[in-house]
Amino acid sequence: MDAVLILGGSGFIGSRLCEMLVEQSSARPGGITVATRRPARTQHLLALPGVDLDEADVHDDATLARLVAGRSTVVNLIAILHGNAASFSQVHVELPRRIARACLLAGVQRIVHVSALGANSKAPSMYLRSKAEGEAAIASTSVPAAILRPSVVFGAHDRFLNLFARLSKFAPVIPLACADAKFQPVWVDDVTRAIIACLQMLRPTAQTYECAGPRVLTLGELVRLAGRYSGHERPVIPLPRAVGQVQAWFMEHLPGEPLMSRDNLASMQLPNVASGRLPGLAELGIEPATLEAIASKYLAATAWSGKRS
């Protein structure tokens, strides 16, 4: 594989992408560059042959131009789950717009942009509306692009199921807002395979793919499964919408990154499931794994631990 730049490569999906590219012998010296503002978070990538780290601020235009120069493909995985309108716009809208423009000027052959299932300009949450605007920005230039829309992504090191697994260890019951919200959880390896498949194809126009697993589960079911696979299944108590809003408001004001926000609740008002109107993993030659099969596998090996093995 030719020179690939990965933006957001130190995160959950990005780290697995780097690992799988190396596992598939797709990496060569200088073949993969991961740009990061926080080198301390990328130490686990240093041992991967063919992966170079570049400490850089991608929100700086000159730096971004330097990063994309000479690249055949740029993968954008940068995203946030929490924030205000300005921060969502900066990360999900302005950055993709600048990436697309920089790629056009540099002659990049393709862009792979990871968005989110449910992205829509009329969605009830800032998160989903900004994701839709970012997709439009990526598709606005003549650079061929693949846009992936995953549902909630799970795996041995995910934040989602591991969060509820940790809560289940200490809490006798789990009070839960939007317990009936629907998701179609997808394994991180299946999302990563989808990215790699898109790296290997060149389409003249932007194409969007929905990345979803084979089963639809409610948030309550996912929380109970997280507890079960970690050895601490707990009862889930659904919260009325008004109480859930108060809970989310309180979590927003705790120190550090919030566990839940009111904007997250707004996102969950829409089913996070594949529409069926767009191509999915099958069109990329991928048969998605079930959460139960993968969780059982990792339970035996790591007890569904958030720690990297």
Protein backbone atom coordinates (compact mmCIF):
# COMPACT_ATOMS: atom_id res chain seq x y z
CA MET A 1 0.00 0.00 0.00
CA ASP A 2 1.26 3.47 -0.89
CA ALA A 3 1.81 6.30 1.58
CA VAL A 4 -1.19 6.63 3.92
CA LEU A 5 -1.79 9.42 6.41
CA ILE A 6 -4.06 8.54 9.36
CA LEU A 7 -5.59 11.41 11.30
CA GLY A 8 -6.84 10.20 14.66
CA GLY A 9 -4.72 7.07 14.44
CA SER A 10 -4.03 6.84 18.17
CA GLY A 11 -7.67 6.18 19.05
CA PHE A 12 -9.66 2.97 19.34
CA ILE A 13 -10.36 2.45 15.63
CA GLY A 14 -7.13 4.07 14.46
CA SER A 15 -4.93 1.85 16.60
CA ARG A 16 -6.64 -1.27 15.30
CA LEU A 17 -6.34 0.03 11.74
CA CYS A 18 -2.58 0.42 12.12
CA GLU A 19 -2.30 -3.07 13.62
CA MET A 20 -4.32 -4.69 10.84
CA LEU A 21 -2.42 -2.91 8.09
CA VAL A 22 0.80 -4.27 9.57
CA GLU A 23 -0.73 -7.74 10.09
CA GLN A 24 -1.70 -7.82 6.43
CA SER A 25 1.84 -6.81 5.45
CA SER A 26 0.41 -3.70 3.85
CA ALA A 27 2.87 -1.43 5.61
CA ARG A 28 6.36 -0.59 4.44
CA PRO A 29 8.87 1.84 6.00
CA GLY A 30 7.29 5.26 5.77
CA GLY A 31 4.09 3.73 4.41
CA ILE A 32 1.84 4.76 7.29
CA THR A 33 2.04 8.05 9.15
CA VAL A 34 -0.06 8.78 12.21
CA ALA A 35 -0.42 12.46 13.02
CA THR A 36 -0.99 13.25 16.68
CA ARG A 37 -0.92 16.20 19.05
CA ARG A 38 -0.35 13.90 22.03
CA PRO A 39 2.64 11.59 21.42
CA ALA A 40 2.19 9.99 24.84
CA ARG A 41 -1.05 8.43 23.56
CA THR A 42 0.65 6.81 20.60
CA GLN A 43 3.40 4.88 22.37
CA HIS A 44 1.61 1.58 21.69
CA LEU A 45 2.10 2.21 17.95
CA LEU A 46 5.87 2.61 18.12
CA ALA A 47 6.46 -1.13 17.96
CA LEU A 48 4.54 -1.51 14.69
CA PRO A 49 6.87 -1.79 11.69
CA GLY A 50 6.14 0.65 8.93
CA VAL A 51 4.23 3.08 11.19
CA ASP A 52 5.72 6.54 11.69
CA LEU A 53 4.45 9.08 14.22
CA ASP A 54 4.33 12.79 13.42
CA GLU A 55 3.65 15.23 16.26
CA ALA A 56 1.44 17.82 14.60
CA ASP A 57 -1.57 20.08 15.07
CA VAL A 58 -3.92 19.20 12.22
CA HIS A 59 -5.97 22.33 12.88
CA ASP A 60 -3.08 24.39 11.52
CA ASP A 61 -3.39 24.82 7.74
CA ALA A 62 0.35 24.89 7.04
CA THR A 63 0.89 21.76 9.12
CA LEU A 64 -1.99 19.99 7.42
CA ALA A 65 -0.59 20.86 4.00
CA ARG A 66 2.78 19.40 5.04
CA LEU A 67 1.15 16.21 6.32
CA VAL A 68 -0.89 15.45 3.19
CA ALA A 69 1.93 16.26 0.74
CA GLY A 70 3.04 13.12 -1.09
CA ARG A 71 0.25 10.94 0.34
CA SER A 72 -1.87 8.70 -1.83
CA THR A 73 -4.61 8.33 0.78
CA VAL A 74 -5.77 10.22 3.87
CA VAL A 75 -7.93 8.54 6.52
CA ASN A 76 -9.81 10.86 8.86
CA LEU A 77 -10.89 9.34 12.18
CA ILE A 78 -10.89 12.52 14.27
CA ALA A 79 -14.13 13.00 16.18
CA ILE A 80 -15.56 14.07 19.53
CA LEU A 81 -18.62 12.81 21.40
CA HIS A 82 -19.12 15.77 23.72
CA GLY A 83 -18.91 19.52 23.33
CA ASN A 84 -20.76 22.67 22.37
CA ALA A 85 -21.83 23.86 18.92
CA ALA A 86 -18.48 25.56 18.30
CA SER A 87 -16.38 22.51 19.17
CA PHE A 88 -18.54 20.15 17.09
CA SER A 89 -18.27 22.56 14.17
CA GLN A 90 -14.49 22.85 14.50
CA VAL A 91 -13.86 19.09 14.64
CA HIS A 92 -16.65 17.61 12.54
CA VAL A 93 -17.21 20.32 9.94
CA GLU A 94 -14.30 22.73 9.56
CA LEU A 95 -11.57 20.11 9.87
CA PRO A 96 -13.05 17.80 7.18
CA ARG A 97 -13.51 20.85 4.94
CA ARG A 98 -9.85 21.81 5.39
CA ILE A 99 -8.72 18.20 4.93
CA ALA A 100 -10.65 17.95 1.65
CA ARG A 101 -9.19 21.22 0.39
CA ALA A 102 -5.64 20.27 1.39
CA CYS A 103 -6.00 16.86 -0.29
CA LEU A 104 -7.26 18.49 -3.48
CA LEU A 105 -4.31 20.87 -3.61
CA ALA A 106 -1.82 18.08 -2.84
CA GLY A 107 -3.20 15.67 -5.43
CA VAL A 108 -4.22 13.01 -2.91
CA GLN A 109 -5.91 10.09 -4.71
CA ARG A 110 -8.58 9.23 -2.13
CA ILE A 111 -10.01 10.16 1.25
CA VAL A 112 -11.57 7.69 3.69
CA HIS A 113 -13.71 9.57 6.20
CA VAL A 114 -15.33 7.87 9.19
CA SER A 115 -18.62 9.53 10.13
CA ALA A 116 -21.52 8.09 12.13
CA LEU A 117 -24.70 6.16 11.49
CA GLY A 118 -27.63 8.54 11.67
CA ALA A 119 -25.72 11.58 10.39
CA ASN A 120 -28.35 13.97 9.10
CA SER A 121 -28.57 17.73 8.74
CA LYS A 122 -32.01 17.62 10.43
CA ALA A 123 -31.05 15.26 13.27
CA PRO A 124 -31.97 16.27 16.84
CA SER A 125 -28.36 16.41 18.12
CA MET A 126 -25.42 18.69 17.38
CA TYR A 127 -23.27 15.59 17.04
CA LEU A 128 -25.27 14.05 14.19
CA ARG A 129 -25.93 17.36 12.42
CA SER A 130 -22.23 18.23 12.48
CA LYS A 131 -21.34 14.76 11.20
CA ALA A 132 -23.65 15.30 8.23
CA GLU A 133 -22.04 18.68 7.48
CA GLY A 134 -18.61 17.06 7.65
CA GLU A 135 -19.66 14.41 5.14
CA ALA A 136 -20.84 17.14 2.78
CA ALA A 137 -17.52 18.94 3.17
CA ILE A 138 -15.57 15.78 2.30
CA ALA A 139 -17.75 15.18 -0.76
CA SER A 140 -17.55 18.80 -1.92
CA THR A 141 -14.26 18.43 -3.81
CA SER A 142 -13.31 16.25 -6.76
CA VAL A 143 -11.10 14.03 -4.57
CA PRO A 144 -12.59 10.48 -4.60
CA ALA A 145 -13.89 9.70 -1.13
CA ALA A 146 -15.36 6.82 0.85
CA ILE A 147 -17.53 7.81 3.81
CA LEU A 148 -18.18 5.16 6.47
CA ARG A 149 -21.08 5.44 8.90
CA PRO A 150 -20.60 2.98 11.78
CA SER A 151 -23.09 2.28 14.53
CA VAL A 152 -21.64 2.02 18.04
CA VAL A 153 -18.29 0.22 17.68
CA PHE A 154 -17.32 -2.49 20.16
CA GLY A 155 -14.13 -4.40 20.86
CA ALA A 156 -11.74 -5.39 23.61
CA HIS A 157 -10.65 -1.78 24.20
CA ASP A 158 -13.80 0.17 23.45
CA ARG A 159 -15.04 2.93 25.73
CA PHE A 160 -18.71 2.05 25.38
CA LEU A 161 -19.12 -1.51 26.66
CA ASN A 162 -16.08 -1.24 28.92
CA LEU A 163 -17.64 1.79 30.61
CA PHE A 164 -20.78 -0.15 31.48
CA ALA A 165 -18.74 -3.21 32.42
CA ARG A 166 -16.84 -1.10 34.96
CA LEU A 167 -20.02 0.48 36.28
CA SER A 168 -21.59 -2.96 36.66
CA LYS A 169 -18.70 -4.06 38.81
CA PHE A 170 -19.51 -1.49 41.49
CA ALA A 171 -23.16 -0.47 41.05
CA PRO A 172 -25.90 -2.85 42.31
CA VAL A 173 -28.29 -1.47 39.67
CA ILE A 174 -27.81 0.67 36.55
CA PRO A 175 -30.20 3.63 36.25
CA LEU A 176 -30.30 4.31 32.53
CA ALA A 177 -31.70 7.05 30.35
CA CYS A 178 -32.92 6.07 26.86
CA ALA A 179 -32.81 2.39 27.79
CA ASP A 180 -34.97 1.56 24.77
CA ALA A 181 -32.69 3.39 22.28
CA LYS A 182 -31.78 1.06 19.40
CA PHE A 183 -28.25 0.33 18.17
CA GLN A 184 -26.73 -2.07 15.65
CA PRO A 185 -23.30 -2.60 17.27
CA VAL A 186 -20.42 -3.36 14.91
CA TRP A 187 -17.08 -4.98 15.73
CA VAL A 188 -14.04 -2.74 15.44
CA ASP A 189 -12.28 -5.28 13.21
CA ASP A 190 -15.20 -5.18 10.76
CA VAL A 191 -15.04 -1.38 10.63
CA THR A 192 -11.29 -1.57 10.15
CA ARG A 193 -11.65 -4.10 7.34
CA ALA A 194 -14.13 -1.73 5.72
CA ILE A 195 -11.58 1.09 5.87
CA ILE A 196 -8.91 -1.14 4.34
CA ALA A 197 -11.30 -2.23 1.58
CA CYS A 198 -11.93 1.44 0.79
CA LEU A 199 -8.18 2.10 0.76
CA GLN A 200 -7.84 -0.46 -1.99
CA MET A 201 -10.52 0.90 -4.31
CA LEU A 202 -10.71 4.11 -6.29
CA ARG A 203 -14.13 5.49 -7.19
CA PRO A 204 -14.61 8.69 -9.19
CA THR A 205 -17.19 10.09 -6.74
CA ALA A 206 -17.91 9.93 -3.02
CA GLN A 207 -19.62 6.74 -1.81
CA THR A 208 -21.20 6.28 1.61
CA TYR A 209 -21.33 2.91 3.40
CA GLU A 210 -23.33 1.98 6.49
CA CYS A 211 -21.30 -0.15 8.90
CA ALA A 212 -23.61 -2.10 11.17
CA GLY A 213 -23.61 -5.45 12.89
CA PRO A 214 -26.08 -8.27 12.25
CA ARG A 215 -28.31 -7.58 15.29
CA VAL A 216 -30.30 -4.63 16.63
CA LEU A 217 -30.09 -4.27 20.42
CA THR A 218 -31.47 -1.71 22.83
CA LEU A 219 -29.18 0.29 25.08
CA GLY A 220 -30.59 -1.59 28.06
CA GLU A 221 -29.73 -4.92 26.46
CA LEU A 222 -26.21 -3.72 25.67
CA VAL A 223 -25.67 -2.61 29.27
CA ARG A 224 -26.87 -5.93 30.63
CA LEU A 225 -24.63 -7.80 28.16
CA ALA A 226 -21.63 -5.71 29.20
CA GLY A 227 -22.28 -6.66 32.81
CA ARG A 228 -22.81 -10.31 31.95
CA TYR A 229 -19.60 -10.66 29.93
CA SER A 230 -17.60 -8.93 32.65
CA GLY A 231 -19.09 -11.22 35.31
CA HIS A 232 -21.31 -8.59 36.97
CA GLU A 233 -24.70 -8.51 35.28
CA ARG A 234 -26.95 -5.93 36.97
CA PRO A 235 -30.61 -4.96 36.66
CA VAL A 236 -31.22 -1.93 34.45
CA ILE A 237 -33.71 0.68 35.68
CA PRO A 238 -35.03 2.78 32.77
CA LEU A 239 -35.26 6.45 33.64
CA PRO A 240 -38.08 8.74 32.48
CA ARG A 241 -36.93 11.20 29.84
CA ALA A 242 -37.06 14.21 32.19
CA VAL A 243 -35.00 12.40 34.84
CA GLY A 244 -32.53 11.31 32.18
CA GLN A 245 -32.09 14.93 31.13
CA VAL A 246 -31.32 15.92 34.71
CA GLN A 247 -28.86 13.03 35.04
CA ALA A 248 -27.11 14.03 31.80
CA TRP A 249 -26.97 17.70 32.86
CA PHE A 250 -25.32 16.65 36.13
CA MET A 251 -22.80 14.44 34.30
CA GLU A 252 -21.93 17.30 31.93
CA HIS A 253 -20.81 19.38 34.90
CA LEU A 254 -18.61 16.76 36.55
CA PRO A 255 -14.82 17.15 36.12
CA GLY A 256 -13.27 15.46 33.10
CA GLU A 257 -14.97 14.01 30.03
CA PRO A 258 -18.66 13.38 30.76
CA LEU A 259 -20.06 9.87 30.75
CA MET A 260 -23.25 11.19 29.17
CA SER A 261 -24.52 14.51 27.85
CA ARG A 262 -27.89 15.94 26.85
CA ASP A 263 -26.68 15.96 23.26
CA ASN A 264 -25.98 12.21 23.55
CA LEU A 265 -29.56 11.71 24.67
CA ALA A 266 -30.75 13.75 21.70
CA SER A 267 -28.76 11.47 19.36
CA MET A 268 -30.45 8.44 20.88
CA GLN A 269 -33.89 9.75 19.98
CA LEU A 270 -33.20 8.29 16.53
CA PRO A 271 -32.59 4.54 16.03
CA ASN A 272 -28.87 4.01 15.42
CA VAL A 273 -29.49 1.28 12.85
CA ALA A 274 -28.77 0.82 9.17
CA SER A 275 -31.32 2.39 6.85
CA GLY A 276 -30.85 -0.23 4.15
CA ARG A 277 -30.87 2.52 1.54
CA LEU A 278 -27.06 2.64 1.29
CA PRO A 279 -24.46 -0.06 0.64
CA GLY A 280 -23.13 -1.75 3.75
CA LEU A 281 -20.43 -4.13 4.87
CA ALA A 282 -21.65 -6.87 2.53
CA GLU A 283 -20.85 -4.68 -0.48
CA LEU A 284 -17.30 -4.44 0.85
CA GLY A 285 -17.05 -8.22 1.14
CA ILE A 286 -17.42 -8.28 4.93
CA GLU A 287 -19.73 -10.52 6.95
CA PRO A 288 -20.14 -8.73 10.30
CA ALA A 289 -19.60 -10.60 13.55
CA THR A 290 -22.13 -10.64 16.37
CA LEU A 291 -21.38 -8.92 19.64
CA GLU A 292 -22.03 -12.15 21.53
CA ALA A 293 -19.43 -14.12 19.58
CA ILE A 294 -16.73 -11.49 19.97
CA ALA A 295 -17.51 -10.65 23.59
CA SER A 296 -17.33 -14.33 24.51
CA LYS A 297 -13.95 -14.57 22.80
CA TYR A 298 -12.52 -11.62 24.66
CA LEU A 299 -14.11 -12.72 27.93
CA ALA A 300 -12.02 -15.88 27.82
CA ALA A 301 -8.85 -13.95 26.98
CA THR A 302 -9.14 -10.64 28.83
CA ALA A 303 -12.36 -10.74 30.88
CA TRP A 304 -13.60 -7.87 28.68
CA SER A 305 -10.99 -5.59 30.17
CA GLY A 306 -10.34 -2.10 28.90
CA LYS A 307 -6.62 -2.75 29.31
CA ARG A 308 -4.62 -3.30 26.18
CA SER A 309 -3.22 -6.81 26.01
